[in-house]
Amino acid sequence: MTRGLFKSTLLVSVNTTLSRILGLARDIVIARYFGAGTGMDAFIVAFRIPNFLRRLFAEGGFSQAFVPLLAEYRERRTQAEVRALIDHTTAVLGLALFGITAVGVLCAPFLVLVFAPGFADEASKQQLTATLLRVTFPYIFFISLTALAGGILNTWRRFGIPAFTPVFLNLALIAAALWLSPRMAEPVEALAWGVFIAGVAQLLFQLPYLARLGLLPRPALGRDGEGVRRIFKLMLPTLFGVSVTQINLLVDTQVASFLVTGSISWLYYSDRLVEFPLGVFGIALATVIMPSLSAEHARNSNREFAGTLDWALRWVFMISVPAACGLALLAGPALATLFQYEAFSPYDVEMARISLIAFAAGLPGYVLIKILVSGTVSRQDTRTPVRAGVAALLSNIVFIVILYRPLAHAGLALATALSSYINAGILYRHLRDAGGYVPRPGWGAHLLRIGMALAAMIAVLELLSVPMDAWLSWTAGDRILRLALSVAAGAVCYFAVLRITGTPLGELIGRH
């Protein structure tokens, strides 16, 4: 069972890695051309609003509600009933998205004040953001339908296509920065058009693969009202619970809009580096186990359900903890290597480095939330993620009040990191208490081996470390080689110690 899950996770990770590498290339290009000034702050807010709604509705509440129900239909219903559910869901979702998009475009100036209230003091900045938002907001329409298509493909174990799809966003933004921005009166507006084009391209890319499965949606109302009502009943409370990390980042953006210009950009660039391991590993793993957990719950296979969740959690600690430590230790070198060219200054590197260290501290928590929410929602329990999300949001606000004055933008990042563990802890405790998860034997030894391997990795990275002044004085080629050497040396050391101390990697790859 888990061998298949490992292979699927590896497939998703490979495609996601390609997308994330292109994403880093995209951010390198954007940093070189736009730096961390007013235009970049405006674009980040204009992109973050539809992107936030995407994660809230499409990849968040909707996917978490749709995939378990679709998996149940696949297990227990006829093909005709499956098609009816898909067709009716597409029609209802499409109409809702069209209305949301129209309202968003018309109310762009108001939305800017809601999401970045600090911009009210700078009329030109607010106006620029509203102009960009009118172009980027339709992205929510196309990308949410893309998430619907991806949910269908994932349920039929076609994981590679949805994982590859985000490549088009990165390609569109790179092309917009390099080719379109020099041709526009306001260069940063090119990035907004890149977002719009990417939304259309991602949806069109997935449609042929749905057609091959005979599952290309034919939107029609009234074909399965009962199933759609169940989706939206599951979705509404789940919206908040599964997307609380994004809500916390949104709160960070609101507060950062009152800080010095560049704060939003520093948080963006540091968050982008945390998103790399989160997407390559955390989201990939959560995506792959969701259909399996949903099917196991539908079959009442409690033992298999707990075994799949335990397998995933062991991987979470084995990968996310060293990734977090590596990001924190290499924060400055990574930012200097990737972004410190032309418009992105050494001062920007230092400011982003501080927030990256804070964000990295929460990486295991972000990944745990993805896995534990999959475990909870696959049991069609939507109340627990809401309770956990409320607690995390309130704690994030408390942490912000405590931390943002002494630590400025880095305090916002640290608040998000700390609140993620509160969220994950509540989800874990509920799964234990509800009997959905019982840890398998061997956790103590597993964590001890990880600790020993982590200590060895940290020692190697410290041995290879050099002052930041040296990194900033090197050429791009020298930076890349030294960063690659540090990452490779740390990874080799970590996995070598894991193997030497007896970590059963073969068993984790596939028990059966």
Protein backbone atom coordinates (compact mmCIF):
# COMPACT_ATOMS: atom_id res chain seq x y z
CA MET A 1 0.00 0.00 0.00
CA THR A 2 2.58 2.58 1.11
CA ARG A 3 4.92 1.65 -1.74
CA GLY A 4 2.28 2.95 -4.11
CA LEU A 5 1.84 6.04 -1.97
CA PHE A 6 5.60 6.63 -1.94
CA LYS A 7 5.82 6.33 -5.73
CA SER A 8 2.88 8.71 -6.16
CA THR A 9 4.40 11.16 -3.67
CA LEU A 10 7.70 10.96 -5.53
CA LEU A 11 5.94 11.64 -8.85
CA VAL A 12 4.12 14.65 -7.43
CA SER A 13 7.33 15.85 -5.76
CA VAL A 14 9.30 15.65 -9.01
CA ASN A 15 6.70 17.67 -10.91
CA THR A 16 6.32 20.08 -8.01
CA THR A 17 10.09 20.45 -7.81
CA LEU A 18 10.15 21.48 -11.46
CA SER A 19 7.42 24.00 -10.76
CA ARG A 20 9.19 25.32 -7.65
CA ILE A 21 12.51 25.63 -9.46
CA LEU A 22 10.78 27.66 -12.14
CA GLY A 23 9.10 29.56 -9.33
CA LEU A 24 12.48 30.46 -7.91
CA ALA A 25 13.62 31.47 -11.39
CA ARG A 26 10.49 33.61 -11.63
CA ASP A 27 11.24 35.31 -8.31
CA ILE A 28 14.88 35.84 -9.29
CA VAL A 29 13.76 37.61 -12.47
CA ILE A 30 11.13 39.64 -10.60
CA ALA A 31 13.61 40.62 -7.86
CA ARG A 32 16.15 41.69 -10.48
CA TYR A 33 13.65 43.87 -12.37
CA PHE A 34 11.38 45.14 -9.59
CA GLY A 35 13.32 44.80 -6.32
CA ALA A 36 11.37 45.42 -3.09
CA GLY A 37 9.83 48.84 -3.65
CA THR A 38 6.41 50.40 -4.11
CA GLY A 39 5.55 48.64 -7.39
CA MET A 40 6.46 45.23 -6.00
CA ASP A 41 4.49 45.82 -2.79
CA ALA A 42 1.47 46.77 -4.94
CA PHE A 43 1.76 43.66 -7.14
CA ILE A 44 2.19 41.31 -4.17
CA VAL A 45 -1.04 42.58 -2.62
CA ALA A 46 -2.86 42.46 -5.98
CA PHE A 47 -1.70 38.88 -6.52
CA ARG A 48 -2.11 37.76 -2.91
CA ILE A 49 -5.82 38.59 -2.84
CA PRO A 50 -6.92 36.17 -5.63
CA ASN A 51 -4.18 33.74 -4.60
CA PHE A 52 -5.52 33.80 -1.04
CA LEU A 53 -9.04 33.11 -2.33
CA ARG A 54 -7.61 30.30 -4.49
CA ARG A 55 -6.10 28.59 -1.47
CA LEU A 56 -9.16 29.31 0.63
CA PHE A 57 -11.82 28.11 -1.83
CA ALA A 58 -10.11 26.01 -4.49
CA GLU A 59 -7.19 24.21 -2.88
CA GLY A 60 -8.58 24.72 0.60
CA GLY A 61 -12.21 24.18 1.50
CA PHE A 62 -13.48 23.01 -1.88
CA SER A 63 -10.80 20.38 -2.57
CA GLN A 64 -10.93 19.09 1.01
CA ALA A 65 -14.70 18.63 0.67
CA PHE A 66 -14.88 17.50 -2.97
CA VAL A 67 -12.18 14.82 -3.06
CA PRO A 68 -13.48 12.72 -0.10
CA LEU A 69 -17.03 12.78 -1.47
CA LEU A 70 -15.88 12.00 -5.01
CA ALA A 71 -13.79 9.11 -3.64
CA GLU A 72 -16.88 7.84 -1.80
CA TYR A 73 -18.93 8.03 -5.01
CA ARG A 74 -16.22 6.17 -6.89
CA GLU A 75 -16.25 3.39 -4.27
CA ARG A 76 -20.00 3.08 -3.77
CA ARG A 77 -21.89 4.60 -6.72
CA THR A 78 -22.29 3.99 -10.44
CA GLN A 79 -20.32 5.74 -13.16
CA ALA A 80 -23.45 7.68 -14.14
CA GLU A 81 -23.82 8.99 -10.59
CA VAL A 82 -20.15 10.00 -10.54
CA ARG A 83 -20.62 11.93 -13.79
CA ALA A 84 -23.76 13.62 -12.46
CA LEU A 85 -21.88 14.78 -9.36
CA ILE A 86 -19.03 16.20 -11.44
CA ASP A 87 -21.34 17.96 -13.90
CA HIS A 88 -23.55 19.57 -11.27
CA THR A 89 -20.60 20.60 -9.10
CA THR A 90 -18.93 22.26 -12.10
CA ALA A 91 -22.07 24.23 -12.92
CA VAL A 92 -22.64 25.47 -9.38
CA LEU A 93 -18.97 26.27 -8.79
CA GLY A 94 -18.67 28.07 -12.14
CA LEU A 95 -21.68 30.30 -11.47
CA ALA A 96 -20.47 31.13 -7.96
CA LEU A 97 -16.97 31.95 -9.23
CA PHE A 98 -18.31 34.17 -12.00
CA GLY A 99 -20.27 36.21 -9.45
CA ILE A 100 -17.29 36.46 -7.08
CA THR A 101 -15.03 37.55 -9.93
CA ALA A 102 -17.43 40.27 -11.09
CA VAL A 103 -17.75 41.66 -7.57
CA GLY A 104 -13.99 41.54 -7.06
CA VAL A 105 -13.23 43.49 -10.23
CA LEU A 106 -15.85 46.14 -9.45
CA CYS A 107 -14.83 46.51 -5.81
CA ALA A 108 -11.05 46.44 -6.31
CA PRO A 109 -10.31 49.76 -4.52
CA PHE A 110 -12.33 48.68 -1.49
CA LEU A 111 -10.62 45.28 -1.38
CA VAL A 112 -7.21 46.98 -1.38
CA LEU A 113 -8.22 48.94 1.72
CA VAL A 114 -9.40 45.72 3.39
CA PHE A 115 -6.34 43.64 2.57
CA ALA A 116 -3.72 46.42 2.83
CA PRO A 117 -5.23 49.22 4.94
CA GLY A 118 -1.84 50.88 5.35
CA PHE A 119 -1.93 51.83 1.66
CA ALA A 120 -4.68 54.37 2.41
CA ASP A 121 -2.01 56.89 3.37
CA GLU A 122 -0.39 56.63 -0.07
CA ALA A 123 -2.96 57.41 -2.77
CA SER A 124 -0.70 56.49 -5.70
CA LYS A 125 0.18 53.14 -4.14
CA GLN A 126 -3.46 52.34 -3.42
CA GLN A 127 -4.51 53.30 -6.97
CA LEU A 128 -1.76 51.22 -8.55
CA THR A 129 -2.72 48.20 -6.44
CA ALA A 130 -6.39 48.55 -7.42
CA THR A 131 -5.46 48.75 -11.11
CA LEU A 132 -3.38 45.59 -10.83
CA LEU A 133 -6.09 43.80 -8.84
CA ARG A 134 -8.67 44.34 -11.60
CA VAL A 135 -6.39 42.37 -13.90
CA THR A 136 -5.38 39.64 -11.44
CA PHE A 137 -8.75 38.97 -9.81
CA PRO A 138 -10.20 36.80 -12.63
CA TYR A 139 -7.39 34.36 -11.82
CA ILE A 140 -9.62 33.02 -9.04
CA PHE A 141 -12.21 31.93 -11.63
CA PHE A 142 -9.82 29.97 -13.82
CA ILE A 143 -7.63 28.50 -11.08
CA SER A 144 -10.60 27.30 -9.02
CA LEU A 145 -11.94 25.38 -12.01
CA THR A 146 -8.39 24.08 -12.47
CA ALA A 147 -8.52 22.85 -8.85
CA LEU A 148 -11.80 21.06 -9.63
CA ALA A 149 -10.17 19.32 -12.59
CA GLY A 150 -7.13 18.49 -10.46
CA GLY A 151 -9.31 17.01 -7.74
CA ILE A 152 -10.88 14.65 -10.29
CA LEU A 153 -7.49 13.63 -11.67
CA ASN A 154 -6.08 13.05 -8.17
CA THR A 155 -9.06 10.88 -7.21
CA TRP A 156 -8.30 8.70 -10.25
CA ARG A 157 -4.61 8.65 -9.14
CA ARG A 158 -3.44 10.85 -12.03
CA PHE A 159 -1.26 12.92 -9.70
CA GLY A 160 1.38 14.07 -12.16
CA ILE A 161 -0.77 16.40 -14.26
CA PRO A 162 -2.13 18.61 -11.44
CA ALA A 163 1.37 18.76 -9.92
CA PHE A 164 2.86 19.93 -13.22
CA THR A 165 0.15 22.51 -13.94
CA PRO A 166 1.61 25.38 -11.79
CA VAL A 167 4.58 25.47 -14.18
CA PHE A 168 2.45 27.65 -16.46
CA LEU A 169 2.11 30.38 -13.83
CA ASN A 170 5.87 30.61 -13.47
CA LEU A 171 6.47 30.62 -17.22
CA ALA A 172 3.83 33.31 -17.73
CA LEU A 173 5.29 35.59 -15.06
CA ILE A 174 8.85 35.13 -16.33
CA ALA A 175 7.72 36.00 -19.87
CA ALA A 176 5.74 38.98 -18.57
CA ALA A 177 8.75 40.35 -16.66
CA LEU A 178 11.25 39.84 -19.47
CA TRP A 179 9.18 40.60 -22.57
CA LEU A 180 6.03 42.50 -21.63
CA SER A 181 7.17 44.84 -18.84
CA PRO A 182 9.55 46.92 -21.02
CA ARG A 183 6.63 47.57 -23.39
CA MET A 184 4.22 48.95 -20.78
CA ALA A 185 3.93 52.45 -19.34
CA GLU A 186 3.71 50.92 -15.85
CA PRO A 187 6.11 47.94 -16.03
CA VAL A 188 4.76 46.12 -12.98
CA GLU A 189 1.33 45.86 -14.68
CA ALA A 190 2.89 43.22 -16.95
CA LEU A 191 3.07 40.87 -13.98
CA ALA A 192 -0.67 41.25 -13.42
CA TRP A 193 -1.37 40.25 -17.02
CA GLY A 194 0.99 37.31 -16.59
CA VAL A 195 -1.19 36.07 -13.71
CA PHE A 196 -4.35 36.38 -15.83
CA ILE A 197 -2.84 34.49 -18.77
CA ALA A 198 -1.52 31.78 -16.45
CA GLY A 199 -4.99 31.11 -15.06
CA VAL A 200 -6.40 30.46 -18.53
CA ALA A 201 -3.43 28.28 -19.55
CA GLN A 202 -3.59 26.08 -16.45
CA LEU A 203 -7.26 25.27 -16.94
CA LEU A 204 -6.89 24.51 -20.65
CA PHE A 205 -3.92 22.24 -19.95
CA GLN A 206 -5.89 19.82 -17.75
CA LEU A 207 -9.02 19.46 -19.90
CA PRO A 208 -7.60 16.92 -22.41
CA TYR A 209 -6.58 14.59 -19.57
CA LEU A 210 -10.09 14.68 -18.14
CA ALA A 211 -11.44 13.88 -21.59
CA ARG A 212 -9.20 10.78 -21.80
CA LEU A 213 -10.77 9.50 -18.57
CA GLY A 214 -14.25 10.22 -19.91
CA LEU A 215 -14.74 12.70 -17.07
CA LEU A 216 -14.66 16.04 -18.88
CA PRO A 217 -17.33 18.09 -17.05
CA ARG A 218 -20.50 19.01 -18.90
CA PRO A 219 -21.91 21.73 -16.62
CA ALA A 220 -25.58 21.09 -15.86
CA LEU A 221 -27.69 22.12 -12.90
CA GLY A 222 -29.96 19.66 -11.11
CA ARG A 223 -28.13 16.43 -11.98
CA ASP A 224 -27.03 15.64 -8.41
CA GLY A 225 -28.27 18.28 -6.04
CA GLU A 226 -27.86 16.04 -3.00
CA GLY A 227 -24.17 15.44 -3.67
CA VAL A 228 -23.43 19.11 -4.27
CA ARG A 229 -25.25 20.07 -1.08
CA ARG A 230 -23.05 17.61 0.81
CA ILE A 231 -19.92 19.16 -0.76
CA PHE A 232 -20.89 22.67 0.23
CA LYS A 233 -22.00 21.52 3.68
CA LEU A 234 -18.52 20.06 4.18
CA MET A 235 -16.85 22.97 2.43
CA LEU A 236 -18.20 25.95 4.34
CA PRO A 237 -16.75 25.10 7.76
CA THR A 238 -13.62 23.65 6.17
CA LEU A 239 -12.84 26.90 4.35
CA PHE A 240 -11.47 28.43 7.49
CA GLY A 241 -9.83 25.41 9.06
CA VAL A 242 -7.69 24.23 6.17
CA SER A 243 -6.55 27.70 5.11
CA VAL A 244 -5.67 29.24 8.45
CA THR A 245 -1.97 29.52 7.55
CA GLN A 246 -2.93 31.60 4.51
CA ILE A 247 -5.29 33.67 6.65
CA ASN A 248 -2.44 34.29 9.05
CA LEU A 249 -0.22 35.37 6.15
CA LEU A 250 -2.99 37.70 5.05
CA VAL A 251 -3.11 39.22 8.53
CA ASP A 252 0.67 39.61 8.27
CA THR A 253 0.21 41.51 5.00
CA GLN A 254 -2.38 43.81 6.57
CA VAL A 255 -0.09 44.68 9.47
CA ALA A 256 2.99 44.92 7.21
CA SER A 257 1.18 47.50 5.06
CA PHE A 258 1.62 49.89 8.01
CA LEU A 259 5.36 49.19 8.26
CA VAL A 260 8.14 50.66 6.12
CA THR A 261 7.98 50.21 2.35
CA GLY A 262 9.55 46.89 1.45
CA SER A 263 8.18 44.96 4.43
CA ILE A 264 5.55 43.18 2.32
CA SER A 265 8.20 42.30 -0.27
CA TRP A 266 10.65 40.97 2.35
CA LEU A 267 7.92 38.73 3.75
CA TYR A 268 7.03 37.60 0.23
CA TYR A 269 10.55 36.58 -0.76
CA SER A 270 11.22 34.77 2.50
CA ASP A 271 7.85 33.00 2.34
CA ARG A 272 8.64 31.90 -1.21
CA LEU A 273 11.69 29.98 0.01
CA VAL A 274 9.65 28.26 2.72
CA GLU A 275 7.04 27.38 0.09
CA PHE A 276 9.66 25.38 -1.81
CA PRO A 277 9.99 22.45 0.65
CA LEU A 278 6.37 22.87 1.72
CA GLY A 279 5.17 22.36 -1.85
CA VAL A 280 7.73 19.77 -2.93
CA PHE A 281 7.12 17.59 0.10
CA GLY A 282 4.26 18.69 2.35
CA ILE A 283 1.57 19.51 -0.18
CA ALA A 284 2.67 16.61 -2.40
CA LEU A 285 2.30 14.14 0.47
CA ALA A 286 -1.05 15.56 1.58
CA THR A 287 -2.34 15.46 -2.01
CA VAL A 288 -1.40 11.82 -2.43
CA ILE A 289 -2.74 10.47 0.87
CA MET A 290 -6.10 12.28 0.70
CA PRO A 291 -7.78 9.93 -1.84
CA SER A 292 -6.35 6.88 -0.04
CA LEU A 293 -7.51 8.04 3.39
CA SER A 294 -10.95 8.91 2.00
CA ALA A 295 -11.31 5.52 0.32
CA GLU A 296 -10.12 3.69 3.47
CA HIS A 297 -12.63 5.59 5.57
CA ALA A 298 -15.41 4.83 3.07
CA ARG A 299 -14.52 1.10 3.37
CA ASN A 300 -14.36 1.36 7.20
CA SER A 301 -10.74 0.17 7.04
CA ASN A 302 -9.68 1.79 10.31
CA ARG A 303 -6.41 -0.10 10.61
CA GLU A 304 -5.29 0.82 7.11
CA PHE A 305 -6.38 4.43 7.69
CA ALA A 306 -4.26 4.71 10.84
CA GLY A 307 -1.34 2.98 9.12
CA THR A 308 -1.38 5.39 6.18
CA LEU A 309 -1.50 8.39 8.50
CA ASP A 310 1.32 7.03 10.67
CA TRP A 311 3.49 6.44 7.59
CA ALA A 312 2.89 10.02 6.43
CA LEU A 313 3.70 11.53 9.83
CA ARG A 314 7.02 9.67 10.03
CA TRP A 315 7.99 11.19 6.70
CA VAL A 316 6.90 14.64 7.93
CA PHE A 317 9.38 14.63 10.78
CA MET A 318 12.15 13.01 8.76
CA ILE A 319 12.02 15.63 5.99
CA SER A 320 10.51 18.85 7.33
CA VAL A 321 12.68 19.21 10.45
CA PRO A 322 16.04 19.14 8.61
CA ALA A 323 14.55 21.32 5.84
CA ALA A 324 13.58 23.93 8.44
CA CYS A 325 17.02 23.88 10.06
CA GLY A 326 18.73 24.08 6.68
CA LEU A 327 16.61 27.05 5.62
CA ALA A 328 17.38 28.90 8.85
CA LEU A 329 21.13 28.24 8.69
CA LEU A 330 21.39 29.09 4.98
CA ALA A 331 18.83 31.91 4.96
CA GLY A 332 21.27 34.70 4.12
CA PRO A 333 23.31 32.75 1.54
CA ALA A 334 20.15 31.46 -0.16
CA LEU A 335 18.58 34.91 -0.44
CA ALA A 336 21.84 36.49 -1.63
CA THR A 337 22.36 33.75 -4.22
CA LEU A 338 18.84 33.86 -5.60
CA PHE A 339 17.76 37.49 -5.36
CA GLN A 340 20.59 39.95 -4.60
CA TYR A 341 21.10 41.45 -8.02
CA GLU A 342 20.41 44.95 -9.39
CA ALA A 343 17.20 46.23 -7.73
CA PHE A 344 17.39 43.83 -4.76
CA SER A 345 19.96 45.32 -2.37
CA PRO A 346 22.13 43.80 0.41
CA TYR A 347 19.84 45.56 2.88
CA ASP A 348 16.88 43.72 1.33
CA VAL A 349 18.78 40.44 1.78
CA GLU A 350 19.31 41.13 5.47
CA MET A 351 15.69 42.11 6.09
CA ALA A 352 14.36 39.06 4.20
CA ARG A 353 16.89 36.82 6.00
CA ILE A 354 15.42 37.68 9.39
CA SER A 355 11.86 36.87 8.32
CA LEU A 356 12.99 33.69 6.54
CA ILE A 357 14.50 32.34 9.76
CA ALA A 358 11.22 33.08 11.54
CA PHE A 359 9.10 31.45 8.81
CA ALA A 360 11.42 28.41 8.69
CA ALA A 361 10.82 27.77 12.39
CA GLY A 362 7.21 26.94 11.50
CA LEU A 363 7.86 24.66 8.50
CA PRO A 364 7.22 21.37 10.35
CA GLY A 365 4.00 22.89 11.71
CA TYR A 366 2.83 23.95 8.23
CA VAL A 367 3.43 20.44 6.89
CA LEU A 368 1.77 18.78 9.89
CA ILE A 369 -1.33 20.88 9.31
CA LYS A 370 -1.57 19.69 5.70
CA ILE A 371 -1.33 16.02 6.72
CA LEU A 372 -3.54 16.20 9.81
CA VAL A 373 -6.26 18.17 8.01
CA SER A 374 -6.24 15.50 5.29
CA GLY A 375 -6.67 12.87 8.00
CA THR A 376 -9.48 14.78 9.69
CA VAL A 377 -11.44 15.89 6.64
CA SER A 378 -11.17 12.48 4.94
CA ARG A 379 -13.32 11.27 7.86
CA GLN A 380 -15.78 14.01 6.80
CA ASP A 381 -15.14 15.84 10.06
CA THR A 382 -15.17 19.56 9.29
CA ARG A 383 -15.71 20.93 12.78
CA THR A 384 -12.29 20.08 14.14
CA PRO A 385 -10.29 22.02 11.49
CA VAL A 386 -12.50 25.03 12.24
CA ARG A 387 -11.87 24.84 15.97
CA ALA A 388 -8.14 24.39 15.38
CA GLY A 389 -8.14 27.24 12.88
CA VAL A 390 -9.93 29.64 15.22
CA ALA A 391 -7.44 28.88 17.99
CA ALA A 392 -4.51 29.37 15.59
CA LEU A 393 -5.86 32.65 14.21
CA LEU A 394 -6.48 34.10 17.66
CA SER A 395 -3.07 32.99 18.87
CA ASN A 396 -1.47 34.51 15.75
CA ILE A 397 -3.07 37.87 16.55
CA VAL A 398 -1.82 37.68 20.14
CA PHE A 399 1.69 36.80 18.96
CA ILE A 400 1.63 39.68 16.45
CA VAL A 401 0.68 42.16 19.18
CA ILE A 402 3.60 40.89 21.27
CA LEU A 403 6.21 40.56 18.53
CA TYR A 404 5.66 43.08 15.75
CA ARG A 405 7.00 46.13 17.59
CA PRO A 406 10.33 44.63 18.73
CA LEU A 407 10.85 42.49 15.60
CA ALA A 408 8.92 44.48 12.92
CA HIS A 409 8.14 42.33 9.84
CA ALA A 410 10.06 39.34 11.28
CA GLY A 411 7.70 39.35 14.25
CA LEU A 412 4.80 38.77 11.85
CA ALA A 413 6.57 35.75 10.37
CA LEU A 414 7.39 34.34 13.80
CA ALA A 415 3.77 34.78 14.92
CA THR A 416 2.59 32.72 11.94
CA ALA A 417 5.17 30.02 12.73
CA LEU A 418 4.20 29.75 16.39
CA SER A 419 0.47 29.61 15.70
CA SER A 420 0.97 26.75 13.23
CA TYR A 421 2.00 24.44 16.08
CA ILE A 422 -1.12 25.30 18.04
CA ASN A 423 -3.20 24.41 14.97
CA ALA A 424 -1.35 21.13 14.40
CA GLY A 425 -1.51 20.18 18.08
CA ILE A 426 -5.28 20.53 18.24
CA LEU A 427 -5.75 18.48 15.06
CA TYR A 428 -3.42 15.74 16.34
CA ARG A 429 -5.09 15.52 19.74
CA HIS A 430 -8.53 15.21 18.16
CA LEU A 431 -7.47 12.42 15.81
CA ARG A 432 -6.01 10.54 18.78
CA ASP A 433 -9.08 11.07 20.95
CA ALA A 434 -11.50 10.13 18.14
CA GLY A 435 -9.65 6.89 17.45
CA GLY A 436 -8.71 7.92 13.92
CA TYR A 437 -5.01 7.65 14.64
CA VAL A 438 -3.04 5.34 16.92
CA PRO A 439 0.75 5.71 16.65
CA ARG A 440 2.59 2.57 15.60
CA PRO A 441 5.48 1.34 17.78
CA GLY A 442 8.95 2.78 17.22
CA TRP A 443 8.33 6.52 17.33
CA GLY A 444 10.85 7.14 20.11
CA ALA A 445 13.66 5.49 18.18
CA HIS A 446 12.60 7.23 14.98
CA LEU A 447 12.81 10.69 16.57
CA LEU A 448 16.12 9.86 18.28
CA ARG A 449 17.69 8.88 14.94
CA ILE A 450 16.38 12.09 13.36
CA GLY A 451 17.89 14.09 16.21
CA MET A 452 21.32 12.50 15.77
CA ALA A 453 21.26 13.00 12.00
CA LEU A 454 20.13 16.59 12.47
CA ALA A 455 23.00 17.35 14.86
CA ALA A 456 25.50 15.99 12.32
CA MET A 457 23.93 18.04 9.51
CA ILE A 458 24.07 21.26 11.56
CA ALA A 459 27.74 20.60 12.38
CA VAL A 460 28.58 20.21 8.67
CA LEU A 461 26.71 23.38 7.69
CA GLU A 462 28.40 25.36 10.44
CA LEU A 463 31.77 24.04 9.30
CA LEU A 464 31.09 25.21 5.74
CA SER A 465 29.62 28.58 6.72
CA VAL A 466 31.33 31.86 5.77
CA PRO A 467 30.51 35.49 6.69
CA MET A 468 27.72 37.19 4.73
CA ASP A 469 30.17 39.82 3.46
CA ALA A 470 31.91 37.06 1.52
CA TRP A 471 28.67 35.87 -0.07
CA LEU A 472 27.79 39.39 -1.14
CA SER A 473 31.22 39.92 -2.72
CA TRP A 474 31.14 36.73 -4.82
CA THR A 475 29.88 36.41 -8.38
CA ALA A 476 26.60 34.65 -9.07
CA GLY A 477 28.45 31.51 -10.20
CA ASP A 478 30.51 31.34 -7.02
CA ARG A 479 27.42 31.80 -4.88
CA ILE A 480 25.53 29.04 -6.68
CA LEU A 481 28.42 26.58 -6.38
CA ARG A 482 28.96 27.27 -2.68
CA LEU A 483 25.25 27.09 -1.87
CA ALA A 484 24.88 23.84 -3.84
CA LEU A 485 27.89 22.39 -2.02
CA SER A 486 26.45 23.31 1.37
CA VAL A 487 23.01 21.89 0.60
CA ALA A 488 24.44 18.68 -0.86
CA ALA A 489 26.91 18.17 2.00
CA GLY A 490 24.19 18.72 4.60
CA ALA A 491 21.76 16.36 2.89
CA VAL A 492 24.33 13.61 2.36
CA CYS A 493 25.46 13.83 5.97
CA TYR A 494 21.87 13.78 7.27
CA PHE A 495 20.76 10.72 5.31
CA ALA A 496 24.05 8.92 5.92
CA VAL A 497 23.62 9.24 9.68
CA LEU A 498 19.99 8.13 9.37
CA ARG A 499 21.16 5.01 7.58
CA ILE A 500 24.01 4.33 9.98
CA THR A 501 21.74 4.65 13.01
CA GLY A 502 19.34 2.09 11.56
CA THR A 503 16.46 4.13 10.17
CA PRO A 504 14.42 1.65 8.07
CA LEU A 505 14.28 3.71 4.89
CA GLY A 506 13.16 0.69 2.87
CA GLU A 507 10.25 0.16 5.23
CA LEU A 508 9.24 3.82 4.94
CA ILE A 509 9.36 3.60 1.15
CA GLY A 510 6.98 0.66 1.20
CA ARG A 511 5.98 -1.61 4.05
CA HIS A 512 4.08 -4.13 1.99
